[in-house]
Amino acid sequence: MSAEMTAIVFGMTAVTYIPRMLPFMMFKGKELPAFWQGILRNVPYATLGALIFPGILTFHENLWFGIAGAAAAFFIAFTGANIIFTVLVSIGILTLLSML
């Protein structure tokens, strides 16, 4: 590996490590207010939704195919089913729709 490539790798490492390390150092021994804890607790769900939603719209040439799968998954998850059951039933419903 060339020296230039090594410098690029170390630079990218620093750029990704520093933003992750700074919050830990700044808030070490401190507790966030309940408001901020509530917001940060929901970040993974919001991120997951932002990653999945575009895929629903571009999954199949027919837009309604993705919407039907998302609606099925939402309904099943809303009833309280676990994630594996939700995914398997959604896949089954989309398999049945693709056969029609």
Protein backbone atom coordinates (compact mmCIF):
# COMPACT_ATOMS: atom_id res chain seq x y z
CA MET A 1 0.00 0.00 0.00
CA SER A 2 1.37 3.38 -0.95
CA ALA A 3 2.06 6.13 1.57
CA GLU A 4 -0.70 8.21 0.05
CA MET A 5 -3.25 5.44 0.49
CA THR A 6 -2.10 4.87 4.09
CA ALA A 7 -2.55 8.58 4.83
CA ILE A 8 -6.05 8.48 3.33
CA VAL A 9 -7.03 5.47 5.46
CA PHE A 10 -5.71 7.09 8.65
CA GLY A 11 -7.46 10.35 7.75
CA MET A 12 -10.77 8.60 7.20
CA THR A 13 -10.30 6.74 10.48
CA ALA A 14 -9.80 9.98 12.37
CA VAL A 15 -12.73 11.67 10.67
CA THR A 16 -15.11 8.86 11.64
CA TYR A 17 -13.69 8.22 15.12
CA ILE A 18 -13.64 11.80 16.45
CA PRO A 19 -17.40 12.50 16.10
CA ARG A 20 -18.14 9.23 17.88
CA MET A 21 -15.65 9.81 20.69
CA LEU A 22 -16.47 13.46 21.47
CA PRO A 23 -19.96 12.89 22.93
CA PHE A 24 -18.60 10.20 25.25
CA MET A 25 -15.87 12.52 26.50
CA MET A 26 -18.14 15.56 26.82
CA PHE A 27 -20.93 13.78 28.70
CA LYS A 28 -18.80 11.45 30.81
CA GLY A 29 -20.32 11.31 34.30
CA LYS A 30 -23.24 13.55 33.32
CA GLU A 31 -26.84 12.60 32.72
CA LEU A 32 -28.87 14.12 29.92
CA PRO A 33 -32.23 15.71 30.72
CA ALA A 34 -35.24 13.45 30.26
CA PHE A 35 -36.31 15.42 27.17
CA TRP A 36 -33.06 14.67 25.32
CA GLN A 37 -33.05 11.06 26.48
CA GLY A 38 -36.52 10.65 24.99
CA ILE A 39 -35.42 12.11 21.68
CA LEU A 40 -32.24 10.05 21.48
CA ARG A 41 -34.13 6.89 22.41
CA ASN A 42 -36.20 7.26 19.22
CA VAL A 43 -33.30 7.95 16.83
CA PRO A 44 -32.79 4.27 15.82
CA TYR A 45 -36.46 3.93 14.84
CA ALA A 46 -36.41 7.15 12.82
CA THR A 47 -33.20 6.11 11.08
CA LEU A 48 -34.58 2.68 10.27
CA GLY A 49 -37.72 4.24 8.80
CA ALA A 50 -35.66 6.64 6.70
CA LEU A 51 -33.63 3.74 5.32
CA ILE A 52 -36.59 1.45 4.60
CA PHE A 53 -39.12 3.89 3.12
CA PRO A 54 -37.28 4.61 -0.18
CA GLY A 55 -36.81 0.88 -0.66
CA ILE A 56 -40.54 0.32 -0.33
CA LEU A 57 -41.21 2.75 -3.15
CA THR A 58 -38.54 1.36 -5.50
CA PHE A 59 -38.72 -2.35 -4.63
CA HIS A 60 -40.81 -3.41 -7.60
CA GLU A 61 -41.85 -1.79 -10.87
CA ASN A 62 -45.39 -1.68 -9.48
CA LEU A 63 -45.54 0.85 -6.64
CA TRP A 64 -48.56 -0.87 -5.06
CA PHE A 65 -46.55 -4.04 -4.56
CA GLY A 66 -44.22 -2.30 -2.11
CA ILE A 67 -47.06 -0.44 -0.46
CA ALA A 68 -48.99 -3.70 0.06
CA GLY A 69 -45.97 -5.31 1.69
CA ALA A 70 -45.39 -2.31 3.94
CA ALA A 71 -49.08 -2.17 4.91
CA ALA A 72 -49.08 -5.87 5.76
CA ALA A 73 -45.92 -5.51 7.84
CA PHE A 74 -47.28 -2.44 9.62
CA PHE A 75 -50.59 -4.12 10.45
CA ILE A 76 -48.94 -7.30 11.73
CA ALA A 77 -46.39 -5.36 13.79
CA PHE A 78 -49.14 -3.13 15.17
CA THR A 79 -50.95 -6.19 16.54
CA GLY A 80 -47.88 -6.95 18.64
CA ALA A 81 -46.26 -9.76 16.67
CA ASN A 82 -42.51 -10.22 16.93
CA ILE A 83 -40.21 -9.07 14.14
CA ILE A 84 -39.49 -12.51 12.66
CA PHE A 85 -43.19 -13.33 12.34
CA THR A 86 -43.85 -9.90 10.82
CA VAL A 87 -41.14 -10.32 8.20
CA LEU A 88 -42.16 -13.88 7.32
CA VAL A 89 -45.85 -13.03 6.93
CA SER A 90 -45.01 -9.96 4.83
CA ILE A 91 -42.81 -12.07 2.57
CA GLY A 92 -45.62 -14.63 2.30
CA ILE A 93 -48.16 -11.98 1.36
CA LEU A 94 -45.86 -10.54 -1.29
CA THR A 95 -45.19 -14.03 -2.63
CA LEU A 96 -48.93 -14.60 -2.97
CA LEU A 97 -49.37 -11.21 -4.67
CA SER A 98 -46.60 -11.97 -7.13
CA MET A 99 -48.37 -15.18 -8.15
CA LEU A 100 -51.54 -13.29 -9.09
